[in-house]
Amino acid sequence: DSIKRLENLYLVEEKELCTTCLRKCQQAREKVNKIKNMAAATPK
């Protein structure tokens, strides 16, 4: 609630990241997407 009024900010493009950092971000994104898919099964 304390930050919901704010938009999201993206300042670094994927192409600018080193291979290790890009892989880390992709893995984190995949994890988040799985959680979102699980949450979608229970509407709220």
ModelCIF file with pLDDT and N, C-alpha, C, O atoms, coordinates in Angstrom:
data_MODEL
#
_entry.id   MODEL 
#
_entity.id                         1 
_entity.type                       polymer 
_entity.pdbx_number_of_molecules   1 
#
_entity_poly.entity_id                      1 
_entity_poly.type                           'polypeptide(L)' 
_entity_poly.nstd_linkage                   no 
_entity_poly.nstd_monomer                   no 
_entity_poly.pdbx_seq_one_letter_code       DSIKRLENLYLVEEKELCTTCLRKCQQAREKVNKIKNMAAATPK 
_entity_poly.pdbx_seq_one_letter_code_can   DSIKRLENLYLVEEKELCTTCLRKCQQAREKVNKIKNMAAATPK 
_entity_poly.pdbx_strand_id                 A 
#
loop_
_entity_poly_seq.entity_id 
_entity_poly_seq.num 
_entity_poly_seq.mon_id 
_entity_poly_seq.hetero 
1 1  ASP n 
1 2  SER n 
1 3  ILE n 
1 4  LYS n 
1 5  ARG n 
1 6  LEU n 
1 7  GLU n 
1 8  ASN n 
1 9  LEU n 
1 10 TYR n 
1 11 LEU n 
1 12 VAL n 
1 13 GLU n 
1 14 GLU n 
1 15 LYS n 
1 16 GLU n 
1 17 LEU n 
1 18 CYS n 
1 19 THR n 
1 20 THR n 
1 21 CYS n 
1 22 LEU n 
1 23 ARG n 
1 24 LYS n 
1 25 CYS n 
1 26 GLN n 
1 27 GLN n 
1 28 ALA n 
1 29 ARG n 
1 30 GLU n 
1 31 LYS n 
1 32 VAL n 
1 33 ASN n 
1 34 LYS n 
1 35 ILE n 
1 36 LYS n 
1 37 ASN n 
1 38 MET n 
1 39 ALA n 
1 40 ALA n 
1 41 ALA n 
1 42 THR n 
1 43 PRO n 
1 44 LYS n 
#
_struct_asym.id          A 
_struct_asym.entity_id   1 
#
loop_
_ma_qa_metric.id 
_ma_qa_metric.mode 
_ma_qa_metric.name 
_ma_qa_metric.software_group_id 
_ma_qa_metric.type 
1 global pLDDT . pLDDT 
2 local  pLDDT . pLDDT 
#
_ma_qa_metric_global.metric_id      1 
_ma_qa_metric_global.metric_value   60.05 
_ma_qa_metric_global.model_id       1 
_ma_qa_metric_global.ordinal_id     1 
#
loop_
_ma_qa_metric_local.label_asym_id 
_ma_qa_metric_local.label_comp_id 
_ma_qa_metric_local.label_seq_id 
_ma_qa_metric_local.metric_id 
_ma_qa_metric_local.metric_value 
_ma_qa_metric_local.model_id 
_ma_qa_metric_local.ordinal_id 
A ASP 1  2 51.00 1 1  
A SER 2  2 52.00 1 2  
A ILE 3  2 55.00 1 3  
A LYS 4  2 50.00 1 4  
A ARG 5  2 50.00 1 5  
A LEU 6  2 55.00 1 6  
A GLU 7  2 53.00 1 7  
A ASN 8  2 49.00 1 8  
A LEU 9  2 46.00 1 9  
A TYR 10 2 46.00 1 10 
A LEU 11 2 47.00 1 11 
A VAL 12 2 53.00 1 12 
A GLU 13 2 53.00 1 13 
A GLU 14 2 59.00 1 14 
A LYS 15 2 55.00 1 15 
A GLU 16 2 58.00 1 16 
A LEU 17 2 64.00 1 17 
A CYS 18 2 69.00 1 18 
A THR 19 2 70.00 1 19 
A THR 20 2 70.00 1 20 
A CYS 21 2 69.00 1 21 
A LEU 22 2 69.00 1 22 
A ARG 23 2 74.00 1 23 
A LYS 24 2 70.00 1 24 
A CYS 25 2 69.00 1 25 
A GLN 26 2 75.00 1 26 
A GLN 27 2 74.00 1 27 
A ALA 28 2 70.00 1 28 
A ARG 29 2 70.00 1 29 
A GLU 30 2 74.00 1 30 
A LYS 31 2 67.00 1 31 
A VAL 32 2 59.00 1 32 
A ASN 33 2 69.00 1 33 
A LYS 34 2 67.00 1 34 
A ILE 35 2 62.00 1 35 
A LYS 36 2 57.00 1 36 
A ASN 37 2 65.00 1 37 
A MET 38 2 61.00 1 38 
A ALA 39 2 53.00 1 39 
A ALA 40 2 55.00 1 40 
A ALA 41 2 58.00 1 41 
A THR 42 2 51.00 1 42 
A PRO 43 2 51.00 1 43 
A LYS 44 2 48.00 1 44 
#
loop_
_atom_site.group_PDB 
_atom_site.id 
_atom_site.type_symbol 
_atom_site.label_atom_id 
_atom_site.label_alt_id 
_atom_site.label_comp_id 
_atom_site.label_asym_id 
_atom_site.label_entity_id 
_atom_site.label_seq_id 
_atom_site.pdbx_PDB_ins_code 
_atom_site.Cartn_x 
_atom_site.Cartn_y 
_atom_site.Cartn_z 
_atom_site.occupancy 
_atom_site.B_iso_or_equiv 
_atom_site.pdbx_formal_charge 
_atom_site.auth_seq_id 
_atom_site.auth_comp_id 
_atom_site.auth_asym_id 
_atom_site.auth_atom_id 
_atom_site.pdbx_PDB_model_num 
ATOM 1   N N  . ASP A 1 1  ? 0.818  -1.203  0.000   1.00 51.00 ? 1  ASP A N  1 
ATOM 2   C CA . ASP A 1 1  ? 0.000  0.000   0.000   1.00 51.00 ? 1  ASP A CA 1 
ATOM 3   C C  . ASP A 1 1  ? 0.853  1.255   0.000   1.00 51.00 ? 1  ASP A C  1 
ATOM 4   O O  . ASP A 1 1  ? 0.448  2.286   -0.537  1.00 51.00 ? 1  ASP A O  1 
ATOM 5   N N  . SER A 1 2  ? 2.035  1.172   0.601   1.00 52.00 ? 2  SER A N  1 
ATOM 6   C CA . SER A 1 2  ? 2.898  2.352   0.696   1.00 52.00 ? 2  SER A CA 1 
ATOM 7   C C  . SER A 1 2  ? 3.515  2.730   -0.631  1.00 52.00 ? 2  SER A C  1 
ATOM 8   O O  . SER A 1 2  ? 3.966  3.863   -0.796  1.00 52.00 ? 2  SER A O  1 
ATOM 9   N N  . ILE A 1 3  ? 3.548  1.803   -1.593  1.00 55.00 ? 3  ILE A N  1 
ATOM 10  C CA . ILE A 1 3  ? 4.178  2.121   -2.877  1.00 55.00 ? 3  ILE A CA 1 
ATOM 11  C C  . ILE A 1 3  ? 3.245  1.927   -4.060  1.00 55.00 ? 3  ILE A C  1 
ATOM 12  O O  . ILE A 1 3  ? 3.667  2.075   -5.206  1.00 55.00 ? 3  ILE A O  1 
ATOM 13  N N  . LYS A 1 4  ? 1.976  1.597   -3.802  1.00 50.00 ? 4  LYS A N  1 
ATOM 14  C CA . LYS A 1 4  ? 1.109  1.254   -4.923  1.00 50.00 ? 4  LYS A CA 1 
ATOM 15  C C  . LYS A 1 4  ? 0.793  2.447   -5.825  1.00 50.00 ? 4  LYS A C  1 
ATOM 16  O O  . LYS A 1 4  ? 0.343  2.264   -6.956  1.00 50.00 ? 4  LYS A O  1 
ATOM 17  N N  . ARG A 1 5  ? 1.025  3.667   -5.333  1.00 50.00 ? 5  ARG A N  1 
ATOM 18  C CA . ARG A 1 5  ? 0.758  4.835   -6.162  1.00 50.00 ? 5  ARG A CA 1 
ATOM 19  C C  . ARG A 1 5  ? 1.850  5.058   -7.202  1.00 50.00 ? 5  ARG A C  1 
ATOM 20  O O  . ARG A 1 5  ? 1.697  5.894   -8.093  1.00 50.00 ? 5  ARG A O  1 
ATOM 21  N N  . LEU A 1 6  ? 2.948  4.318   -7.096  1.00 55.00 ? 6  LEU A N  1 
ATOM 22  C CA . LEU A 1 6  ? 4.090  4.554   -7.961  1.00 55.00 ? 6  LEU A CA 1 
ATOM 23  C C  . LEU A 1 6  ? 4.098  3.637   -9.179  1.00 55.00 ? 6  LEU A C  1 
ATOM 24  O O  . LEU A 1 6  ? 3.625  2.502   -9.121  1.00 55.00 ? 6  LEU A O  1 
ATOM 25  N N  . GLU A 1 7  ? 4.642  4.144   -10.277 1.00 53.00 ? 7  GLU A N  1 
ATOM 26  C CA . GLU A 1 7  ? 4.792  3.353   -11.481 1.00 53.00 ? 7  GLU A CA 1 
ATOM 27  C C  . GLU A 1 7  ? 6.075  2.544   -11.379 1.00 53.00 ? 7  GLU A C  1 
ATOM 28  O O  . GLU A 1 7  ? 6.855  2.724   -10.443 1.00 53.00 ? 7  GLU A O  1 
ATOM 29  N N  . ASN A 1 8  ? 6.298  1.644   -12.352 1.00 49.00 ? 8  ASN A N  1 
ATOM 30  C CA . ASN A 1 8  ? 7.527  0.863   -12.388 1.00 49.00 ? 8  ASN A CA 1 
ATOM 31  C C  . ASN A 1 8  ? 8.568  1.558   -13.239 1.00 49.00 ? 8  ASN A C  1 
ATOM 32  O O  . ASN A 1 8  ? 8.232  2.231   -14.214 1.00 49.00 ? 8  ASN A O  1 
ATOM 33  N N  . LEU A 1 9  ? 9.825  1.399   -12.877 1.00 46.00 ? 9  LEU A N  1 
ATOM 34  C CA . LEU A 1 9  ? 10.918 2.075   -13.553 1.00 46.00 ? 9  LEU A CA 1 
ATOM 35  C C  . LEU A 1 9  ? 11.904 1.073   -14.103 1.00 46.00 ? 9  LEU A C  1 
ATOM 36  O O  . LEU A 1 9  ? 12.388 0.216   -13.363 1.00 46.00 ? 9  LEU A O  1 
ATOM 37  N N  . TYR A 1 10 ? 12.217 1.161   -15.397 1.00 46.00 ? 10 TYR A N  1 
ATOM 38  C CA . TYR A 1 10 ? 13.191 0.280   -16.027 1.00 46.00 ? 10 TYR A CA 1 
ATOM 39  C C  . TYR A 1 10 ? 14.281 1.150   -16.648 1.00 46.00 ? 10 TYR A C  1 
ATOM 40  O O  . TYR A 1 10 ? 14.012 1.922   -17.569 1.00 46.00 ? 10 TYR A O  1 
ATOM 41  N N  . LEU A 1 11 ? 15.509 1.028   -16.147 1.00 47.00 ? 11 LEU A N  1 
ATOM 42  C CA . LEU A 1 11 ? 16.598 1.867   -16.629 1.00 47.00 ? 11 LEU A CA 1 
ATOM 43  C C  . LEU A 1 11 ? 17.703 1.086   -17.324 1.00 47.00 ? 11 LEU A C  1 
ATOM 44  O O  . LEU A 1 11 ? 18.587 1.694   -17.926 1.00 47.00 ? 11 LEU A O  1 
ATOM 45  N N  . VAL A 1 12 ? 17.682 -0.242  -17.259 1.00 53.00 ? 12 VAL A N  1 
ATOM 46  C CA . VAL A 1 12 ? 18.715 -1.053  -17.907 1.00 53.00 ? 12 VAL A CA 1 
ATOM 47  C C  . VAL A 1 12 ? 18.047 -2.072  -18.809 1.00 53.00 ? 12 VAL A C  1 
ATOM 48  O O  . VAL A 1 12 ? 17.188 -2.835  -18.367 1.00 53.00 ? 12 VAL A O  1 
ATOM 49  N N  . GLU A 1 13 ? 18.440 -2.084  -20.075 1.00 53.00 ? 13 GLU A N  1 
ATOM 50  C CA . GLU A 1 13 ? 17.890 -3.042  -21.016 1.00 53.00 ? 13 GLU A CA 1 
ATOM 51  C C  . GLU A 1 13 ? 18.563 -4.397  -20.846 1.00 53.00 ? 13 GLU A C  1 
ATOM 52  O O  . GLU A 1 13 ? 19.693 -4.478  -20.363 1.00 53.00 ? 13 GLU A O  1 
ATOM 53  N N  . GLU A 1 14 ? 17.870 -5.461  -21.241 1.00 59.00 ? 14 GLU A N  1 
ATOM 54  C CA . GLU A 1 14 ? 18.427 -6.805  -21.112 1.00 59.00 ? 14 GLU A CA 1 
ATOM 55  C C  . GLU A 1 14 ? 19.728 -6.943  -21.891 1.00 59.00 ? 14 GLU A C  1 
ATOM 56  O O  . GLU A 1 14 ? 20.656 -7.610  -21.434 1.00 59.00 ? 14 GLU A O  1 
ATOM 57  N N  . LYS A 1 15 ? 19.803 -6.322  -23.054 1.00 55.00 ? 15 LYS A N  1 
ATOM 58  C CA . LYS A 1 15 ? 20.992 -6.469  -23.900 1.00 55.00 ? 15 LYS A CA 1 
ATOM 59  C C  . LYS A 1 15 ? 22.237 -5.863  -23.268 1.00 55.00 ? 15 LYS A C  1 
ATOM 60  O O  . LYS A 1 15 ? 23.353 -6.161  -23.694 1.00 55.00 ? 15 LYS A O  1 
ATOM 61  N N  . GLU A 1 16 ? 22.061 -5.010  -22.251 1.00 58.00 ? 16 GLU A N  1 
ATOM 62  C CA . GLU A 1 16 ? 23.203 -4.378  -21.604 1.00 58.00 ? 16 GLU A CA 1 
ATOM 63  C C  . GLU A 1 16 ? 23.752 -5.212  -20.449 1.00 58.00 ? 16 GLU A C  1 
ATOM 64  O O  . GLU A 1 16 ? 24.815 -4.895  -19.915 1.00 58.00 ? 16 GLU A O  1 
ATOM 65  N N  . LEU A 1 17 ? 23.042 -6.279  -20.054 1.00 64.00 ? 17 LEU A N  1 
ATOM 66  C CA . LEU A 1 17 ? 23.457 -7.078  -18.915 1.00 64.00 ? 17 LEU A CA 1 
ATOM 67  C C  . LEU A 1 17 ? 24.468 -8.143  -19.329 1.00 64.00 ? 17 LEU A C  1 
ATOM 68  O O  . LEU A 1 17 ? 24.440 -8.627  -20.461 1.00 64.00 ? 17 LEU A O  1 
ATOM 69  N N  . CYS A 1 18 ? 25.355 -8.502  -18.414 1.00 69.00 ? 18 CYS A N  1 
ATOM 70  C CA . CYS A 1 18 ? 26.270 -9.609  -18.665 1.00 69.00 ? 18 CYS A CA 1 
ATOM 71  C C  . CYS A 1 18 ? 25.460 -10.906 -18.626 1.00 69.00 ? 18 CYS A C  1 
ATOM 72  O O  . CYS A 1 18 ? 24.334 -10.930 -18.128 1.00 69.00 ? 18 CYS A O  1 
ATOM 73  N N  . THR A 1 19 ? 26.042 -11.977 -19.155 1.00 70.00 ? 19 THR A N  1 
ATOM 74  C CA . THR A 1 19 ? 25.328 -13.247 -19.257 1.00 70.00 ? 19 THR A CA 1 
ATOM 75  C C  . THR A 1 19 ? 24.831 -13.745 -17.909 1.00 70.00 ? 19 THR A C  1 
ATOM 76  O O  . THR A 1 19 ? 23.701 -14.220 -17.793 1.00 70.00 ? 19 THR A O  1 
ATOM 77  N N  . THR A 1 20 ? 25.689 -13.634 -16.879 1.00 70.00 ? 20 THR A N  1 
ATOM 78  C CA . THR A 1 20 ? 25.324 -14.116 -15.545 1.00 70.00 ? 20 THR A CA 1 
ATOM 79  C C  . THR A 1 20 ? 24.141 -13.338 -14.978 1.00 70.00 ? 20 THR A C  1 
ATOM 80  O O  . THR A 1 20 ? 23.206 -13.934 -14.445 1.00 70.00 ? 20 THR A O  1 
ATOM 81  N N  . CYS A 1 21 ? 24.176 -12.008 -15.089 1.00 69.00 ? 21 CYS A N  1 
ATOM 82  C CA . CYS A 1 21 ? 23.097 -11.181 -14.551 1.00 69.00 ? 21 CYS A CA 1 
ATOM 83  C C  . CYS A 1 21 ? 21.790 -11.405 -15.309 1.00 69.00 ? 21 CYS A C  1 
ATOM 84  O O  . CYS A 1 21 ? 20.713 -11.437 -14.712 1.00 69.00 ? 21 CYS A O  1 
ATOM 85  N N  . LEU A 1 22 ? 21.895 -11.560 -16.640 1.00 69.00 ? 22 LEU A N  1 
ATOM 86  C CA . LEU A 1 22 ? 20.707 -11.787 -17.444 1.00 69.00 ? 22 LEU A CA 1 
ATOM 87  C C  . LEU A 1 22 ? 20.056 -13.115 -17.076 1.00 69.00 ? 22 LEU A C  1 
ATOM 88  O O  . LEU A 1 22 ? 18.833 -13.204 -16.973 1.00 69.00 ? 22 LEU A O  1 
ATOM 89  N N  . ARG A 1 23 ? 20.886 -14.161 -16.876 1.00 74.00 ? 23 ARG A N  1 
ATOM 90  C CA . ARG A 1 23 ? 20.352 -15.466 -16.501 1.00 74.00 ? 23 ARG A CA 1 
ATOM 91  C C  . ARG A 1 23 ? 19.661 -15.389 -15.143 1.00 74.00 ? 23 ARG A C  1 
ATOM 92  O O  . ARG A 1 23 ? 18.602 -15.984 -14.940 1.00 74.00 ? 23 ARG A O  1 
ATOM 93  N N  . LYS A 1 24 ? 20.271 -14.650 -14.213 1.00 70.00 ? 24 LYS A N  1 
ATOM 94  C CA . LYS A 1 24 ? 19.697 -14.486 -12.883 1.00 70.00 ? 24 LYS A CA 1 
ATOM 95  C C  . LYS A 1 24 ? 18.323 -13.818 -12.969 1.00 70.00 ? 24 LYS A C  1 
ATOM 96  O O  . LYS A 1 24 ? 17.379 -14.243 -12.303 1.00 70.00 ? 24 LYS A O  1 
ATOM 97  N N  . CYS A 1 25 ? 18.217 -12.777 -13.786 1.00 69.00 ? 25 CYS A N  1 
ATOM 98  C CA . CYS A 1 25 ? 16.948 -12.070 -13.934 1.00 69.00 ? 25 CYS A CA 1 
ATOM 99  C C  . CYS A 1 25 ? 15.890 -12.963 -14.584 1.00 69.00 ? 25 CYS A C  1 
ATOM 100 O O  . CYS A 1 25 ? 14.729 -12.961 -14.173 1.00 69.00 ? 25 CYS A O  1 
ATOM 101 N N  . GLN A 1 26 ? 16.298 -13.722 -15.598 1.00 75.00 ? 26 GLN A N  1 
ATOM 102 C CA . GLN A 1 26 ? 15.366 -14.601 -16.287 1.00 75.00 ? 26 GLN A CA 1 
ATOM 103 C C  . GLN A 1 26 ? 14.834 -15.681 -15.352 1.00 75.00 ? 26 GLN A C  1 
ATOM 104 O O  . GLN A 1 26 ? 13.646 -16.004 -15.377 1.00 75.00 ? 26 GLN A O  1 
ATOM 105 N N  . GLN A 1 27 ? 15.724 -16.240 -14.521 1.00 74.00 ? 27 GLN A N  1 
ATOM 106 C CA . GLN A 1 27 ? 15.295 -17.264 -13.568 1.00 74.00 ? 27 GLN A CA 1 
ATOM 107 C C  . GLN A 1 27 ? 14.331 -16.685 -12.546 1.00 74.00 ? 27 GLN A C  1 
ATOM 108 O O  . GLN A 1 27 ? 13.341 -17.321 -12.183 1.00 74.00 ? 27 GLN A O  1 
ATOM 109 N N  . ALA A 1 28 ? 14.627 -15.465 -12.079 1.00 70.00 ? 28 ALA A N  1 
ATOM 110 C CA . ALA A 1 28 ? 13.749 -14.818 -11.106 1.00 70.00 ? 28 ALA A CA 1 
ATOM 111 C C  . ALA A 1 28 ? 12.384 -14.526 -11.732 1.00 70.00 ? 28 ALA A C  1 
ATOM 112 O O  . ALA A 1 28 ? 11.349 -14.676 -11.082 1.00 70.00 ? 28 ALA A O  1 
ATOM 113 N N  . ARG A 1 29 ? 12.395 -14.107 -13.004 1.00 70.00 ? 29 ARG A N  1 
ATOM 114 C CA . ARG A 1 29 ? 11.140 -13.820 -13.691 1.00 70.00 ? 29 ARG A CA 1 
ATOM 115 C C  . ARG A 1 29 ? 10.304 -15.079 -13.843 1.00 70.00 ? 29 ARG A C  1 
ATOM 116 O O  . ARG A 1 29 ? 9.088  -15.054 -13.653 1.00 70.00 ? 29 ARG A O  1 
ATOM 117 N N  . GLU A 1 30 ? 10.964 -16.190 -14.190 1.00 74.00 ? 30 GLU A N  1 
ATOM 118 C CA . GLU A 1 30 ? 10.247 -17.451 -14.341 1.00 74.00 ? 30 GLU A CA 1 
ATOM 119 C C  . GLU A 1 30 ? 9.610  -17.884 -13.026 1.00 74.00 ? 30 GLU A C  1 
ATOM 120 O O  . GLU A 1 30 ? 8.490  -18.395 -13.009 1.00 74.00 ? 30 GLU A O  1 
ATOM 121 N N  . LYS A 1 31 ? 10.338 -17.676 -11.913 1.00 67.00 ? 31 LYS A N  1 
ATOM 122 C CA . LYS A 1 31 ? 9.814  -18.022 -10.600 1.00 67.00 ? 31 LYS A CA 1 
ATOM 123 C C  . LYS A 1 31 ? 8.587  -17.191 -10.261 1.00 67.00 ? 31 LYS A C  1 
ATOM 124 O O  . LYS A 1 31 ? 7.595  -17.707 -9.746  1.00 67.00 ? 31 LYS A O  1 
ATOM 125 N N  . VAL A 1 32 ? 8.668  -15.887 -10.559 1.00 59.00 ? 32 VAL A N  1 
ATOM 126 C CA . VAL A 1 32 ? 7.549  -14.993 -10.291 1.00 59.00 ? 32 VAL A CA 1 
ATOM 127 C C  . VAL A 1 32 ? 6.334  -15.380 -11.126 1.00 59.00 ? 32 VAL A C  1 
ATOM 128 O O  . VAL A 1 32 ? 5.202  -15.356 -10.642 1.00 59.00 ? 32 VAL A O  1 
ATOM 129 N N  . ASN A 1 33 ? 6.582  -15.738 -12.391 1.00 69.00 ? 33 ASN A N  1 
ATOM 130 C CA . ASN A 1 33 ? 5.478  -16.133 -13.265 1.00 69.00 ? 33 ASN A CA 1 
ATOM 131 C C  . ASN A 1 33 ? 4.780  -17.390 -12.759 1.00 69.00 ? 33 ASN A C  1 
ATOM 132 O O  . ASN A 1 33 ? 3.558  -17.502 -12.858 1.00 69.00 ? 33 ASN A O  1 
ATOM 133 N N  . LYS A 1 34 ? 5.549  -18.340 -12.217 1.00 67.00 ? 34 LYS A N  1 
ATOM 134 C CA . LYS A 1 34 ? 4.951  -19.550 -11.662 1.00 67.00 ? 34 LYS A CA 1 
ATOM 135 C C  . LYS A 1 34 ? 4.043  -19.222 -10.483 1.00 67.00 ? 34 LYS A C  1 
ATOM 136 O O  . LYS A 1 34 ? 2.954  -19.778 -10.343 1.00 67.00 ? 34 LYS A O  1 
ATOM 137 N N  . ILE A 1 35 ? 4.520  -18.293 -9.625  1.00 62.00 ? 35 ILE A N  1 
ATOM 138 C CA . ILE A 1 35 ? 3.725  -17.889 -8.464  1.00 62.00 ? 35 ILE A CA 1 
ATOM 139 C C  . ILE A 1 35 ? 2.441  -17.205 -8.919  1.00 62.00 ? 35 ILE A C  1 
ATOM 140 O O  . ILE A 1 35 ? 1.377  -17.416 -8.338  1.00 62.00 ? 35 ILE A O  1 
ATOM 141 N N  . LYS A 1 36 ? 2.549  -16.374 -9.973  1.00 57.00 ? 36 LYS A N  1 
ATOM 142 C CA . LYS A 1 36 ? 1.370  -15.684 -10.489 1.00 57.00 ? 36 LYS A CA 1 
ATOM 143 C C  . LYS A 1 36 ? 0.356  -16.676 -11.037 1.00 57.00 ? 36 LYS A C  1 
ATOM 144 O O  . LYS A 1 36 ? -0.848 -16.523 -10.832 1.00 57.00 ? 36 LYS A O  1 
ATOM 145 N N  . ASN A 1 37 ? 0.854  -17.705 -11.745 1.00 65.00 ? 37 ASN A N  1 
ATOM 146 C CA . ASN A 1 37 ? -0.040 -18.707 -12.320 1.00 65.00 ? 37 ASN A CA 1 
ATOM 147 C C  . ASN A 1 37 ? -0.774 -19.489 -11.238 1.00 65.00 ? 37 ASN A C  1 
ATOM 148 O O  . ASN A 1 37 ? -1.947 -19.832 -11.382 1.00 65.00 ? 37 ASN A O  1 
ATOM 149 N N  . MET A 1 38 ? -0.046 -19.765 -10.138 1.00 61.00 ? 38 MET A N  1 
ATOM 150 C CA . MET A 1 38 ? -0.675 -20.469 -9.026  1.00 61.00 ? 38 MET A CA 1 
ATOM 151 C C  . MET A 1 38 ? -1.736 -19.590 -8.364  1.00 61.00 ? 38 MET A C  1 
ATOM 152 O O  . MET A 1 38 ? -2.807 -20.065 -7.986  1.00 61.00 ? 38 MET A O  1 
ATOM 153 N N  . ALA A 1 39 ? -1.422 -18.313 -8.233  1.00 53.00 ? 39 ALA A N  1 
ATOM 154 C CA . ALA A 1 39 ? -2.359 -17.387 -7.592  1.00 53.00 ? 39 ALA A CA 1 
ATOM 155 C C  . ALA A 1 39 ? -3.603 -17.182 -8.445  1.00 53.00 ? 39 ALA A C  1 
ATOM 156 O O  . ALA A 1 39 ? -4.684 -16.913 -7.922  1.00 53.00 ? 39 ALA A O  1 
ATOM 157 N N  . ALA A 1 40 ? -3.444 -17.311 -9.772  1.00 55.00 ? 40 ALA A N  1 
ATOM 158 C CA . ALA A 1 40 ? -4.572 -17.093 -10.674 1.00 55.00 ? 40 ALA A CA 1 
ATOM 159 C C  . ALA A 1 40 ? -5.668 -18.123 -10.469 1.00 55.00 ? 40 ALA A C  1 
ATOM 160 O O  . ALA A 1 40 ? -6.830 -17.868 -10.786 1.00 55.00 ? 40 ALA A O  1 
ATOM 161 N N  . ALA A 1 41 ? -5.305 -19.282 -9.943  1.00 58.00 ? 41 ALA A N  1 
ATOM 162 C CA . ALA A 1 41 ? -6.275 -20.349 -9.706  1.00 58.00 ? 41 ALA A CA 1 
ATOM 163 C C  . ALA A 1 41 ? -7.249 -19.979 -8.584  1.00 58.00 ? 41 ALA A C  1 
ATOM 164 O O  . ALA A 1 41 ? -8.340 -20.540 -8.492  1.00 58.00 ? 41 ALA A O  1 
ATOM 165 N N  . THR A 1 42 ? -6.846 -19.029 -7.730  1.00 51.00 ? 42 THR A N  1 
ATOM 166 C CA . THR A 1 42 ? -7.697 -18.568 -6.633  1.00 51.00 ? 42 THR A CA 1 
ATOM 167 C C  . THR A 1 42 ? -7.977 -17.085 -6.810  1.00 51.00 ? 42 THR A C  1 
ATOM 168 O O  . THR A 1 42 ? -7.200 -16.252 -6.343  1.00 51.00 ? 42 THR A O  1 
ATOM 169 N N  . PRO A 1 43 ? -9.088 -16.736 -7.484  1.00 51.00 ? 43 PRO A N  1 
ATOM 170 C CA . PRO A 1 43 ? -9.386 -15.327 -7.784  1.00 51.00 ? 43 PRO A CA 1 
ATOM 171 C C  . PRO A 1 43 ? -9.433 -14.482 -6.513  1.00 51.00 ? 43 PRO A C  1 
ATOM 172 O O  . PRO A 1 43 ? -9.995 -14.893 -5.497  1.00 51.00 ? 43 PRO A O  1 
ATOM 173 N N  . LYS A 1 44 ? -8.851 -13.329 -6.588  1.00 48.00 ? 44 LYS A N  1 
ATOM 174 C CA . LYS A 1 44 ? -8.902 -12.396 -5.473  1.00 48.00 ? 44 LYS A CA 1 
ATOM 175 C C  . LYS A 1 44 ? -8.832 -10.982 -6.022  1.00 48.00 ? 44 LYS A C  1 
ATOM 176 O O  . LYS A 1 44 ? -8.860 -10.020 -5.255  1.00 48.00 ? 44 LYS A O  1 
#
